[in-house]
Every structure is written in C-alpha cells, then in structure tokens.
Amino acid sequence: MPVSIDRNLPSIRTLLAASPVIAAVRTPEALARACQTDIGVLFILHAALSDIAEQVRMAKDMEKCVFVHADLIEGLSADAAAVRYLRSTTAADGIISTRSGVIRAAKECGFLTVQRFFVVDSQAEEALLRTVSQTHPDCIELMPGILPTVISRLCARLSMPVIAGGLVETKEQVISLLSAGAHGISTSREALWTL
C-alpha cells in the first residue's frame, strides 16, 4: 500500500537554515533519542529492511524530516527498484546515496536527494563536480566533514547546499564548517544535536 507523502516539504536549504545540525543515527536507540531533540532533520544511516518503515514512521510522528541512506539498508540492494520500494513503503522525505543511479531514481520518485561524496584528493573533488552536473542532487554531503578549506572552495563552485559529515566531533568544528559555507552538519555525536 503506497504511503502518503507530504509534497509541500520545504527545500533542503530552508530545512538546513532552520536546523543546520542533522542527527545521523545508526541504531533504533539513537533514533529514539534524536526524536526527543529539537533537531529538524534526521539521517537514518543503517536499518534492516524489516524495520525501516517503522523507524521512518517514528521520526515522522515527531515531525522530523527523514532521509534514508539507501546504500545502507540491510536486505535491500542500492538500485532504482530499492528507491521505488522505499517510496511505496515508507514516508521518508529523502534519500542519501553515493550512487548516481540511486540519486536519479530518487529524484524521479519525488524524493529530496543528498548525494554523498568522499573527498580524499583533488581528483575526487573534480570527479564530484562532474557527477553533480549530471545527477543534480538537491544537496551534497562531503566526507569527511572536517575539511573547512575544501568545504569553502566547493561551496563557491556549487549551487546546491553542502552538508559536512564524518568525524565532526566538537562545537568548534561545527562553527568552523558553517563559517566555511556548509549549510548543514550531519553527526552521530549526540552532544552536538542540541547546539
């Protein structure tokens, strides 16, 4: 049975302006704790196929905007069929993926999209620019997120919002990354969820 989707969801830019710290959760327990915070956006980074619809429902019941990392759902292949399955069985607002095909399929299904990139050198940076010109995600997430110089340089060259994620552990890092131009910070460090 298809799930009703809120087509009036604000843009990612608007969501991040209201709540720039994103709760990145890997366990049901962390999800429950994140749902009790004022954070507006949740990234579900790991879940079993049998549990994902219920986890999304729990977060939506707490009025959170929920993104599911399609590459990391246990028991689900990261492809267009998986995206269609997530659209028909969950009330998720968006999809996170490193895979261009998944991002394209998610956009076709009406999901908000976050394409995740690991920037390890200048070649990865150039490949990122080529990829986003083809996939047109709503937002990108740069990993690791503790690279303010790279964040600043890419923010100047991209039109979509940039999220910094990975290894962000302190309030000072959050401030530095936001000052460098990042629109949001995804972190599993629970102490940062209440900034």
N, C-alpha and C. Protein backbone atom coordinates (compact mmCIF):
# COMPACT_ATOMS: atom_id res chain seq x y z
N MET A 1 0.85 -1.17 0.00
CA MET A 1 0.00 0.00 0.00
C MET A 1 0.89 1.23 0.00
N PRO A 2 0.73 2.16 -0.97
CA PRO A 2 1.56 3.37 -1.01
C PRO A 2 1.35 4.24 0.22
N VAL A 3 2.43 4.89 0.62
CA VAL A 3 2.40 5.76 1.78
C VAL A 3 2.15 7.18 1.31
N SER A 4 1.34 7.93 2.04
CA SER A 4 1.08 9.33 1.70
C SER A 4 2.34 10.15 1.96
N ILE A 5 2.73 10.94 0.98
CA ILE A 5 3.93 11.75 1.07
C ILE A 5 3.55 13.22 1.10
N ASP A 6 4.21 13.99 1.96
CA ASP A 6 3.97 15.43 2.05
C ASP A 6 4.68 16.12 0.90
N ARG A 7 3.96 16.50 -0.13
CA ARG A 7 4.54 17.17 -1.30
C ARG A 7 4.84 18.64 -1.03
N ASN A 8 4.44 19.14 0.13
CA ASN A 8 4.68 20.54 0.48
C ASN A 8 5.92 20.70 1.35
N LEU A 9 6.80 19.72 1.35
CA LEU A 9 8.01 19.76 2.15
C LEU A 9 8.88 20.94 1.72
N PRO A 10 9.44 21.68 2.69
CA PRO A 10 10.31 22.81 2.32
C PRO A 10 11.57 22.32 1.60
N SER A 11 12.27 23.24 0.97
CA SER A 11 13.53 22.89 0.31
C SER A 11 14.57 22.50 1.35
N ILE A 12 15.58 21.79 0.91
CA ILE A 12 16.68 21.42 1.82
C ILE A 12 17.33 22.68 2.38
N ARG A 13 17.50 23.68 1.54
CA ARG A 13 18.11 24.94 2.00
C ARG A 13 17.32 25.53 3.18
N THR A 14 15.98 25.52 3.08
CA THR A 14 15.12 26.03 4.15
C THR A 14 15.23 25.17 5.40
N LEU A 15 15.23 23.85 5.21
CA LEU A 15 15.34 22.93 6.35
C LEU A 15 16.66 23.15 7.10
N LEU A 16 17.75 23.29 6.35
CA LEU A 16 19.07 23.46 6.98
C LEU A 16 19.21 24.83 7.62
N ALA A 17 18.57 25.83 7.07
CA ALA A 17 18.62 27.16 7.69
C ALA A 17 17.95 27.12 9.06
N ALA A 18 16.88 26.36 9.18
CA ALA A 18 16.16 26.26 10.45
C ALA A 18 16.85 25.34 11.44
N SER A 19 17.57 24.33 10.95
CA SER A 19 18.19 23.32 11.82
C SER A 19 19.44 22.77 11.15
N PRO A 20 20.59 23.49 11.25
CA PRO A 20 21.77 23.07 10.50
C PRO A 20 22.47 21.80 11.01
N VAL A 21 22.22 21.40 12.24
CA VAL A 21 22.82 20.16 12.74
C VAL A 21 21.83 19.04 12.47
N ILE A 22 22.30 18.00 11.80
CA ILE A 22 21.49 16.86 11.41
C ILE A 22 21.87 15.67 12.28
N ALA A 23 20.88 15.00 12.85
CA ALA A 23 21.15 13.79 13.64
C ALA A 23 21.35 12.62 12.68
N ALA A 24 22.56 12.08 12.66
CA ALA A 24 22.87 10.90 11.85
C ALA A 24 22.80 9.71 12.78
N VAL A 25 21.81 8.84 12.57
CA VAL A 25 21.57 7.74 13.50
C VAL A 25 21.82 6.40 12.85
N ARG A 26 22.37 5.48 13.65
CA ARG A 26 22.70 4.14 13.16
C ARG A 26 21.95 3.04 13.90
N THR A 27 21.31 3.39 15.01
CA THR A 27 20.61 2.37 15.80
C THR A 27 19.22 2.89 16.16
N PRO A 28 18.30 1.96 16.46
CA PRO A 28 16.97 2.39 16.90
C PRO A 28 17.02 3.23 18.18
N GLU A 29 17.97 2.92 19.05
CA GLU A 29 18.11 3.67 20.30
C GLU A 29 18.53 5.11 20.03
N ALA A 30 19.48 5.30 19.12
CA ALA A 30 19.92 6.65 18.75
C ALA A 30 18.78 7.40 18.05
N LEU A 31 18.00 6.70 17.25
CA LEU A 31 16.86 7.32 16.60
C LEU A 31 15.86 7.82 17.63
N ALA A 32 15.58 7.01 18.63
CA ALA A 32 14.63 7.42 19.68
C ALA A 32 15.14 8.66 20.40
N ARG A 33 16.44 8.70 20.71
CA ARG A 33 16.99 9.88 21.39
C ARG A 33 16.94 11.11 20.48
N ALA A 34 17.26 10.94 19.20
CA ALA A 34 17.24 12.06 18.26
C ALA A 34 15.82 12.62 18.12
N CYS A 35 14.83 11.73 18.18
CA CYS A 35 13.43 12.18 18.05
C CYS A 35 13.00 13.05 19.23
N GLN A 36 13.72 12.97 20.34
CA GLN A 36 13.38 13.76 21.53
C GLN A 36 14.08 15.12 21.54
N THR A 37 14.89 15.40 20.52
CA THR A 37 15.58 16.69 20.44
C THR A 37 14.79 17.66 19.56
N ASP A 38 15.29 18.89 19.48
CA ASP A 38 14.68 19.90 18.61
C ASP A 38 15.20 19.83 17.18
N ILE A 39 16.07 18.87 16.89
CA ILE A 39 16.62 18.73 15.54
C ILE A 39 15.48 18.51 14.55
N GLY A 40 15.57 19.14 13.39
CA GLY A 40 14.51 19.02 12.39
C GLY A 40 14.76 17.95 11.34
N VAL A 41 16.04 17.59 11.12
CA VAL A 41 16.38 16.65 10.06
C VAL A 41 17.14 15.47 10.63
N LEU A 42 16.72 14.27 10.22
CA LEU A 42 17.38 13.03 10.64
C LEU A 42 17.89 12.28 9.42
N PHE A 43 19.09 11.73 9.53
CA PHE A 43 19.63 10.81 8.54
C PHE A 43 19.63 9.43 9.17
N ILE A 44 18.85 8.51 8.63
CA ILE A 44 18.91 7.11 9.09
C ILE A 44 19.98 6.44 8.25
N LEU A 45 21.11 6.14 8.88
CA LEU A 45 22.27 5.62 8.17
C LEU A 45 22.33 4.11 8.10
N HIS A 46 21.57 3.43 8.94
CA HIS A 46 21.56 1.97 8.91
C HIS A 46 20.25 1.49 9.47
N ALA A 47 19.69 0.49 8.82
CA ALA A 47 18.47 -0.15 9.31
C ALA A 47 18.29 -1.45 8.55
N ALA A 48 17.55 -2.35 9.15
CA ALA A 48 17.17 -3.58 8.45
C ALA A 48 15.94 -3.28 7.61
N LEU A 49 15.83 -3.96 6.50
CA LEU A 49 14.68 -3.78 5.62
C LEU A 49 13.36 -3.96 6.38
N SER A 50 13.34 -4.90 7.30
CA SER A 50 12.12 -5.17 8.06
C SER A 50 11.76 -4.06 9.04
N ASP A 51 12.70 -3.16 9.34
CA ASP A 51 12.48 -2.13 10.35
C ASP A 51 12.38 -0.71 9.80
N ILE A 52 12.76 -0.49 8.55
CA ILE A 52 12.91 0.88 8.06
C ILE A 52 11.60 1.65 8.05
N ALA A 53 10.50 1.03 7.64
CA ALA A 53 9.22 1.76 7.59
C ALA A 53 8.81 2.22 8.98
N GLU A 54 9.00 1.38 9.98
CA GLU A 54 8.63 1.74 11.36
C GLU A 54 9.55 2.84 11.90
N GLN A 55 10.84 2.76 11.58
CA GLN A 55 11.76 3.80 12.05
C GLN A 55 11.42 5.15 11.43
N VAL A 56 11.11 5.16 10.15
CA VAL A 56 10.72 6.41 9.50
C VAL A 56 9.42 6.94 10.12
N ARG A 57 8.45 6.05 10.34
CA ARG A 57 7.17 6.46 10.92
C ARG A 57 7.38 7.08 12.30
N MET A 58 8.25 6.49 13.12
CA MET A 58 8.52 7.02 14.45
C MET A 58 9.05 8.46 14.36
N ALA A 59 9.98 8.69 13.45
CA ALA A 59 10.55 10.03 13.29
C ALA A 59 9.53 11.00 12.72
N LYS A 60 8.74 10.56 11.76
CA LYS A 60 7.72 11.42 11.16
C LYS A 60 6.65 11.78 12.20
N ASP A 61 6.34 10.84 13.11
CA ASP A 61 5.38 11.13 14.18
C ASP A 61 5.87 12.26 15.08
N MET A 62 7.20 12.44 15.14
CA MET A 62 7.79 13.52 15.93
C MET A 62 8.09 14.75 15.06
N GLU A 63 7.50 14.75 13.86
CA GLU A 63 7.61 15.88 12.93
C GLU A 63 9.03 16.16 12.45
N LYS A 64 9.78 15.11 12.23
CA LYS A 64 11.14 15.24 11.70
C LYS A 64 11.13 15.03 10.19
N CYS A 65 12.04 15.67 9.51
CA CYS A 65 12.29 15.42 8.09
C CYS A 65 13.29 14.26 8.04
N VAL A 66 12.94 13.19 7.34
CA VAL A 66 13.72 11.95 7.41
C VAL A 66 14.33 11.60 6.06
N PHE A 67 15.64 11.39 6.07
CA PHE A 67 16.37 10.89 4.91
C PHE A 67 16.88 9.49 5.24
N VAL A 68 16.75 8.59 4.29
CA VAL A 68 17.21 7.21 4.46
C VAL A 68 18.42 7.00 3.56
N HIS A 69 19.48 6.43 4.12
CA HIS A 69 20.66 6.12 3.31
C HIS A 69 20.39 4.82 2.58
N ALA A 70 19.99 4.92 1.31
CA ALA A 70 19.56 3.77 0.53
C ALA A 70 20.65 2.72 0.36
N ASP A 71 21.91 3.13 0.41
CA ASP A 71 23.01 2.19 0.22
C ASP A 71 23.22 1.30 1.44
N LEU A 72 22.66 1.70 2.59
CA LEU A 72 22.97 1.01 3.84
C LEU A 72 21.77 0.32 4.49
N ILE A 73 20.72 0.05 3.73
CA ILE A 73 19.58 -0.69 4.27
C ILE A 73 19.88 -2.17 4.12
N GLU A 74 20.01 -2.84 5.24
CA GLU A 74 20.32 -4.27 5.25
C GLU A 74 19.17 -5.05 4.61
N GLY A 75 19.50 -5.84 3.57
CA GLY A 75 18.49 -6.63 2.88
C GLY A 75 17.91 -5.95 1.65
N LEU A 76 18.44 -4.78 1.29
CA LEU A 76 17.93 -4.04 0.15
C LEU A 76 19.10 -3.67 -0.75
N SER A 77 18.99 -3.95 -2.02
CA SER A 77 20.03 -3.58 -2.97
C SER A 77 19.92 -2.10 -3.28
N ALA A 78 21.04 -1.43 -3.45
CA ALA A 78 21.03 0.02 -3.74
C ALA A 78 20.86 0.23 -5.24
N ASP A 79 19.59 0.26 -5.68
CA ASP A 79 19.29 0.48 -7.09
C ASP A 79 17.93 1.15 -7.22
N ALA A 80 17.49 1.35 -8.45
CA ALA A 80 16.22 2.05 -8.70
C ALA A 80 15.03 1.30 -8.10
N ALA A 81 15.05 -0.02 -8.14
CA ALA A 81 13.95 -0.80 -7.55
C ALA A 81 13.87 -0.56 -6.05
N ALA A 82 15.01 -0.45 -5.41
CA ALA A 82 15.03 -0.18 -3.96
C ALA A 82 14.42 1.19 -3.66
N VAL A 83 14.73 2.17 -4.49
CA VAL A 83 14.17 3.51 -4.30
C VAL A 83 12.66 3.47 -4.44
N ARG A 84 12.16 2.77 -5.45
CA ARG A 84 10.71 2.65 -5.63
C ARG A 84 10.07 1.93 -4.44
N TYR A 85 10.76 0.92 -3.92
CA TYR A 85 10.27 0.21 -2.75
C TYR A 85 10.18 1.16 -1.55
N LEU A 86 11.21 1.94 -1.31
CA LEU A 86 11.20 2.88 -0.20
C LEU A 86 10.10 3.92 -0.37
N ARG A 87 9.83 4.34 -1.59
CA ARG A 87 8.76 5.31 -1.84
C ARG A 87 7.40 4.69 -1.51
N SER A 88 7.22 3.42 -1.86
CA SER A 88 5.90 2.80 -1.68
C SER A 88 5.65 2.29 -0.27
N THR A 89 6.71 2.13 0.53
CA THR A 89 6.52 1.52 1.86
C THR A 89 6.87 2.42 3.02
N THR A 90 7.49 3.55 2.75
CA THR A 90 7.86 4.45 3.85
C THR A 90 7.37 5.87 3.56
N ALA A 91 7.39 6.68 4.59
CA ALA A 91 7.04 8.10 4.45
C ALA A 91 8.31 8.95 4.48
N ALA A 92 9.45 8.35 4.11
CA ALA A 92 10.70 9.11 4.08
C ALA A 92 10.58 10.31 3.15
N ASP A 93 11.25 11.38 3.53
CA ASP A 93 11.24 12.60 2.72
C ASP A 93 12.35 12.59 1.68
N GLY A 94 13.44 11.89 1.99
CA GLY A 94 14.58 11.94 1.10
C GLY A 94 15.44 10.70 1.14
N ILE A 95 16.34 10.63 0.19
CA ILE A 95 17.27 9.52 0.03
C ILE A 95 18.69 10.08 0.04
N ILE A 96 19.57 9.36 0.72
CA ILE A 96 21.01 9.63 0.69
C ILE A 96 21.65 8.48 -0.06
N SER A 97 22.61 8.76 -0.92
CA SER A 97 23.33 7.70 -1.61
C SER A 97 24.63 8.23 -2.17
N THR A 98 25.58 7.34 -2.35
CA THR A 98 26.81 7.67 -3.06
C THR A 98 26.66 7.35 -4.54
N ARG A 99 25.59 6.67 -4.91
CA ARG A 99 25.40 6.14 -6.26
C ARG A 99 24.55 7.07 -7.12
N SER A 100 25.08 7.45 -8.26
CA SER A 100 24.38 8.36 -9.16
C SER A 100 23.04 7.79 -9.62
N GLY A 101 22.99 6.50 -9.93
CA GLY A 101 21.75 5.89 -10.38
C GLY A 101 20.67 5.94 -9.33
N VAL A 102 21.04 5.78 -8.07
CA VAL A 102 20.08 5.85 -6.97
C VAL A 102 19.57 7.29 -6.84
N ILE A 103 20.46 8.26 -6.96
CA ILE A 103 20.04 9.67 -6.87
C ILE A 103 19.07 10.00 -8.00
N ARG A 104 19.37 9.58 -9.20
CA ARG A 104 18.46 9.85 -10.32
C ARG A 104 17.10 9.20 -10.09
N ALA A 105 17.09 7.95 -9.65
CA ALA A 105 15.83 7.24 -9.40
C ALA A 105 15.05 7.92 -8.27
N ALA A 106 15.75 8.37 -7.24
CA ALA A 106 15.08 9.04 -6.12
C ALA A 106 14.43 10.34 -6.57
N LYS A 107 15.12 11.09 -7.42
CA LYS A 107 14.54 12.33 -7.94
C LYS A 107 13.29 12.02 -8.77
N GLU A 108 13.34 10.97 -9.58
CA GLU A 108 12.18 10.58 -10.38
C GLU A 108 10.99 10.18 -9.50
N CYS A 109 11.26 9.63 -8.32
CA CYS A 109 10.20 9.21 -7.40
C CYS A 109 9.71 10.36 -6.52
N GLY A 110 10.32 11.53 -6.64
CA GLY A 110 9.87 12.67 -5.87
C GLY A 110 10.54 12.85 -4.52
N PHE A 111 11.58 12.09 -4.25
CA PHE A 111 12.33 12.25 -3.01
C PHE A 111 13.23 13.48 -3.10
N LEU A 112 13.51 14.10 -1.96
CA LEU A 112 14.64 15.02 -1.86
C LEU A 112 15.89 14.15 -1.89
N THR A 113 16.99 14.67 -2.40
CA THR A 113 18.18 13.84 -2.56
C THR A 113 19.42 14.48 -1.98
N VAL A 114 20.22 13.64 -1.32
CA VAL A 114 21.53 14.03 -0.82
C VAL A 114 22.53 13.03 -1.39
N GLN A 115 23.44 13.51 -2.23
CA GLN A 115 24.47 12.64 -2.76
C GLN A 115 25.72 12.80 -1.91
N ARG A 116 26.21 11.69 -1.41
CA ARG A 116 27.35 11.68 -0.50
C ARG A 116 28.63 11.42 -1.29
N PHE A 117 29.66 12.24 -1.00
CA PHE A 117 30.95 12.11 -1.66
C PHE A 117 32.06 12.04 -0.61
N PHE A 118 33.05 11.21 -0.89
CA PHE A 118 34.26 11.13 -0.07
C PHE A 118 35.34 11.88 -0.82
N VAL A 119 35.77 13.01 -0.26
CA VAL A 119 36.76 13.86 -0.92
C VAL A 119 38.12 13.60 -0.28
N VAL A 120 38.93 12.83 -0.99
CA VAL A 120 40.23 12.44 -0.44
C VAL A 120 41.40 13.11 -1.14
N ASP A 121 41.14 13.68 -2.33
CA ASP A 121 42.21 14.38 -3.05
C ASP A 121 41.58 15.27 -4.11
N SER A 122 42.41 15.99 -4.87
CA SER A 122 41.89 16.93 -5.87
C SER A 122 41.17 16.22 -7.01
N GLN A 123 41.57 14.98 -7.32
CA GLN A 123 40.86 14.23 -8.36
C GLN A 123 39.44 13.91 -7.92
N ALA A 124 39.25 13.57 -6.66
CA ALA A 124 37.92 13.30 -6.14
C ALA A 124 37.07 14.57 -6.19
N GLU A 125 37.69 15.70 -5.93
CA GLU A 125 36.99 16.98 -5.99
C GLU A 125 36.49 17.26 -7.41
N GLU A 126 37.34 17.05 -8.39
CA GLU A 126 36.94 17.27 -9.79
C GLU A 126 35.88 16.26 -10.23
N ALA A 127 36.01 15.01 -9.80
CA ALA A 127 35.00 13.99 -10.14
C ALA A 127 33.65 14.36 -9.54
N LEU A 128 33.66 14.89 -8.33
CA LEU A 128 32.43 15.35 -7.68
C LEU A 128 31.74 16.40 -8.54
N LEU A 129 32.49 17.38 -9.02
CA LEU A 129 31.91 18.45 -9.83
C LEU A 129 31.29 17.90 -11.12
N ARG A 130 31.97 16.94 -11.75
CA ARG A 130 31.42 16.33 -12.96
C ARG A 130 30.13 15.56 -12.64
N THR A 131 30.15 14.82 -11.55
CA THR A 131 29.00 14.00 -11.18
C THR A 131 27.77 14.85 -10.88
N VAL A 132 27.91 15.89 -10.06
CA VAL A 132 26.73 16.69 -9.70
C VAL A 132 26.17 17.43 -10.91
N SER A 133 27.00 17.70 -11.90
CA SER A 133 26.47 18.34 -13.11
C SER A 133 25.58 17.38 -13.90
N GLN A 134 25.70 16.09 -13.63
CA GLN A 134 24.88 15.08 -14.29
C GLN A 134 23.70 14.63 -13.45
N THR A 135 23.89 14.53 -12.12
CA THR A 135 22.82 13.98 -11.27
C THR A 135 21.92 15.05 -10.68
N HIS A 136 22.42 16.25 -10.50
CA HIS A 136 21.64 17.37 -9.96
C HIS A 136 20.95 17.03 -8.63
N PRO A 137 21.71 16.55 -7.64
CA PRO A 137 21.08 16.28 -6.35
C PRO A 137 20.60 17.58 -5.71
N ASP A 138 19.66 17.46 -4.78
CA ASP A 138 19.19 18.66 -4.07
C ASP A 138 20.27 19.20 -3.16
N CYS A 139 21.16 18.31 -2.72
CA CYS A 139 22.19 18.67 -1.76
C CYS A 139 23.30 17.64 -1.87
N ILE A 140 24.50 18.01 -1.48
CA ILE A 140 25.58 17.02 -1.40
C ILE A 140 26.10 16.98 0.03
N GLU A 141 26.65 15.83 0.39
CA GLU A 141 27.30 15.69 1.69
C GLU A 141 28.75 15.34 1.41
N LEU A 142 29.66 16.13 1.98
CA LEU A 142 31.10 15.90 1.82
C LEU A 142 31.64 15.16 3.03
N MET A 143 32.40 14.12 2.77
CA MET A 143 33.01 13.32 3.82
C MET A 143 34.51 13.29 3.61
N PRO A 144 35.38 13.36 4.59
CA PRO A 144 35.00 13.71 5.95
C PRO A 144 34.67 15.20 6.03
N GLY A 145 33.85 15.52 7.00
CA GLY A 145 33.34 16.87 7.13
C GLY A 145 34.26 17.84 7.83
N ILE A 146 35.45 17.44 8.14
CA ILE A 146 36.34 18.32 8.91
C ILE A 146 37.36 19.03 8.01
N LEU A 147 36.94 19.35 6.81
CA LEU A 147 37.83 19.98 5.84
C LEU A 147 37.30 21.36 5.45
N PRO A 148 37.40 22.36 6.34
CA PRO A 148 36.81 23.66 6.02
C PRO A 148 37.34 24.29 4.73
N THR A 149 38.59 24.09 4.39
CA THR A 149 39.14 24.67 3.17
C THR A 149 38.46 24.08 1.94
N VAL A 150 38.29 22.76 1.92
CA VAL A 150 37.62 22.10 0.80
C VAL A 150 36.15 22.50 0.77
N ILE A 151 35.52 22.56 1.94
CA ILE A 151 34.12 22.97 2.03
C ILE A 151 33.96 24.36 1.41
N SER A 152 34.80 25.28 1.81
CA SER A 152 34.73 26.65 1.31
C SER A 152 34.90 26.70 -0.20
N ARG A 153 35.89 25.99 -0.71
CA ARG A 153 36.18 26.00 -2.15
C ARG A 153 35.02 25.41 -2.94
N LEU A 154 34.45 24.29 -2.48
CA LEU A 154 33.35 23.66 -3.21
C LEU A 154 32.05 24.46 -3.09
N CYS A 155 31.81 25.04 -1.93
CA CYS A 155 30.60 25.87 -1.77
C CYS A 155 30.61 27.03 -2.76
N ALA A 156 31.78 27.56 -3.05
CA ALA A 156 31.88 28.66 -4.01
C ALA A 156 31.60 28.20 -5.44
N ARG A 157 31.75 26.90 -5.70
CA ARG A 157 31.60 26.39 -7.07
C ARG A 157 30.28 25.65 -7.31
N LEU A 158 29.50 25.43 -6.26
CA LEU A 158 28.27 24.65 -6.39
C LEU A 158 27.05 25.49 -6.05
N SER A 159 25.95 25.20 -6.71
CA SER A 159 24.73 25.96 -6.44
C SER A 159 23.84 25.29 -5.40
N MET A 160 24.04 23.99 -5.13
CA MET A 160 23.19 23.31 -4.16
C MET A 160 23.81 23.39 -2.77
N PRO A 161 22.99 23.24 -1.72
CA PRO A 161 23.53 23.26 -0.36
C PRO A 161 24.53 22.13 -0.14
N VAL A 162 25.49 22.38 0.73
CA VAL A 162 26.53 21.41 1.07
C VAL A 162 26.41 21.07 2.54
N ILE A 163 26.40 19.77 2.84
CA ILE A 163 26.40 19.27 4.21
C ILE A 163 27.77 18.68 4.48
N ALA A 164 28.35 18.96 5.63
CA ALA A 164 29.62 18.36 6.04
C ALA A 164 29.31 17.23 7.01
N GLY A 165 29.87 16.07 6.77
CA GLY A 165 29.62 14.93 7.64
C GLY A 165 30.85 14.07 7.80
N GLY A 166 30.94 13.37 8.90
CA GLY A 166 32.07 12.47 9.13
C GLY A 166 33.14 13.12 9.96
N LEU A 167 33.42 12.54 11.10
CA LEU A 167 34.48 12.96 12.02
C LEU A 167 34.25 14.33 12.65
N VAL A 168 33.03 14.86 12.57
CA VAL A 168 32.71 16.13 13.22
C VAL A 168 32.37 15.81 14.68
N GLU A 169 33.23 16.30 15.59
CA GLU A 169 33.11 15.87 16.98
C GLU A 169 32.99 17.00 17.99
N THR A 170 33.24 18.26 17.57
CA THR A 170 33.22 19.35 18.54
C THR A 170 32.37 20.52 18.05
N LYS A 171 31.94 21.33 18.99
CA LYS A 171 31.18 22.55 18.66
C LYS A 171 32.03 23.48 17.80
N GLU A 172 33.32 23.54 18.09
CA GLU A 172 34.21 24.40 17.32
C GLU A 172 34.27 23.96 15.86
N GLN A 173 34.29 22.64 15.62
CA GLN A 173 34.29 22.15 14.25
C GLN A 173 32.98 22.52 13.54
N VAL A 174 31.86 22.40 14.24
CA VAL A 174 30.56 22.77 13.66
C VAL A 174 30.59 24.24 13.25
N ILE A 175 31.04 25.09 14.15
CA ILE A 175 31.10 26.54 13.86
C ILE A 175 32.04 26.82 12.70
N SER A 176 33.20 26.17 12.69
CA SER A 176 34.17 26.37 11.62
C SER A 176 33.60 25.95 10.27
N LEU A 177 32.93 24.81 10.23
CA LEU A 177 32.38 24.31 8.97
C LEU A 177 31.22 25.18 8.47
N LEU A 178 30.37 25.62 9.39
CA LEU A 178 29.28 26.52 8.99
C LEU A 178 29.85 27.85 8.50
N SER A 179 30.90 28.32 9.16
CA SER A 179 31.55 29.57 8.74
C SER A 179 32.22 29.42 7.37
N ALA A 180 32.67 28.20 7.04
CA ALA A 180 33.31 27.94 5.75
C ALA A 180 32.29 27.87 4.61
N GLY A 181 31.01 27.84 4.97
CA GLY A 181 29.98 27.83 3.93
C GLY A 181 29.07 26.62 3.93
N ALA A 182 29.35 25.61 4.75
CA ALA A 182 28.46 24.45 4.82
C ALA A 182 27.08 24.91 5.29
N HIS A 183 26.06 24.35 4.70
CA HIS A 183 24.69 24.69 5.08
C HIS A 183 24.20 23.83 6.24
N GLY A 184 24.81 22.68 6.42
CA GLY A 184 24.41 21.77 7.49
C GLY A 184 25.56 20.86 7.87
N ILE A 185 25.41 20.24 9.04
CA ILE A 185 26.41 19.31 9.57
C ILE A 185 25.68 18.05 9.97
N SER A 186 26.08 16.89 9.44
CA SER A 186 25.49 15.63 9.91
C SER A 186 26.49 14.99 10.86
N THR A 187 25.97 14.56 12.01
CA THR A 187 26.86 13.98 13.01
C THR A 187 26.12 12.96 13.85
N SER A 188 26.84 11.90 14.22
CA SER A 188 26.28 10.92 15.15
C SER A 188 26.69 11.27 16.58
N ARG A 189 27.47 12.33 16.76
CA ARG A 189 27.90 12.77 18.09
C ARG A 189 26.70 13.45 18.76
N GLU A 190 26.05 12.73 19.67
CA GLU A 190 24.79 13.18 20.25
C GLU A 190 24.91 14.49 21.02
N ALA A 191 26.08 14.78 21.58
CA ALA A 191 26.26 16.04 22.32
C ALA A 191 26.09 17.25 21.40
N LEU A 192 26.28 17.07 20.10
CA LEU A 192 26.15 18.18 19.16
C LEU A 192 24.72 18.36 18.65
N TRP A 193 23.84 17.43 18.93
CA TRP A 193 22.47 17.51 18.46
C TRP A 193 21.69 18.64 19.12
N THR A 194 22.18 19.15 20.23
CA THR A 194 21.45 20.18 20.96
C THR A 194 22.07 21.55 20.82
N LEU A 195 22.96 21.74 19.87
CA LEU A 195 23.58 23.06 19.66
C LEU A 195 22.57 24.07 19.17
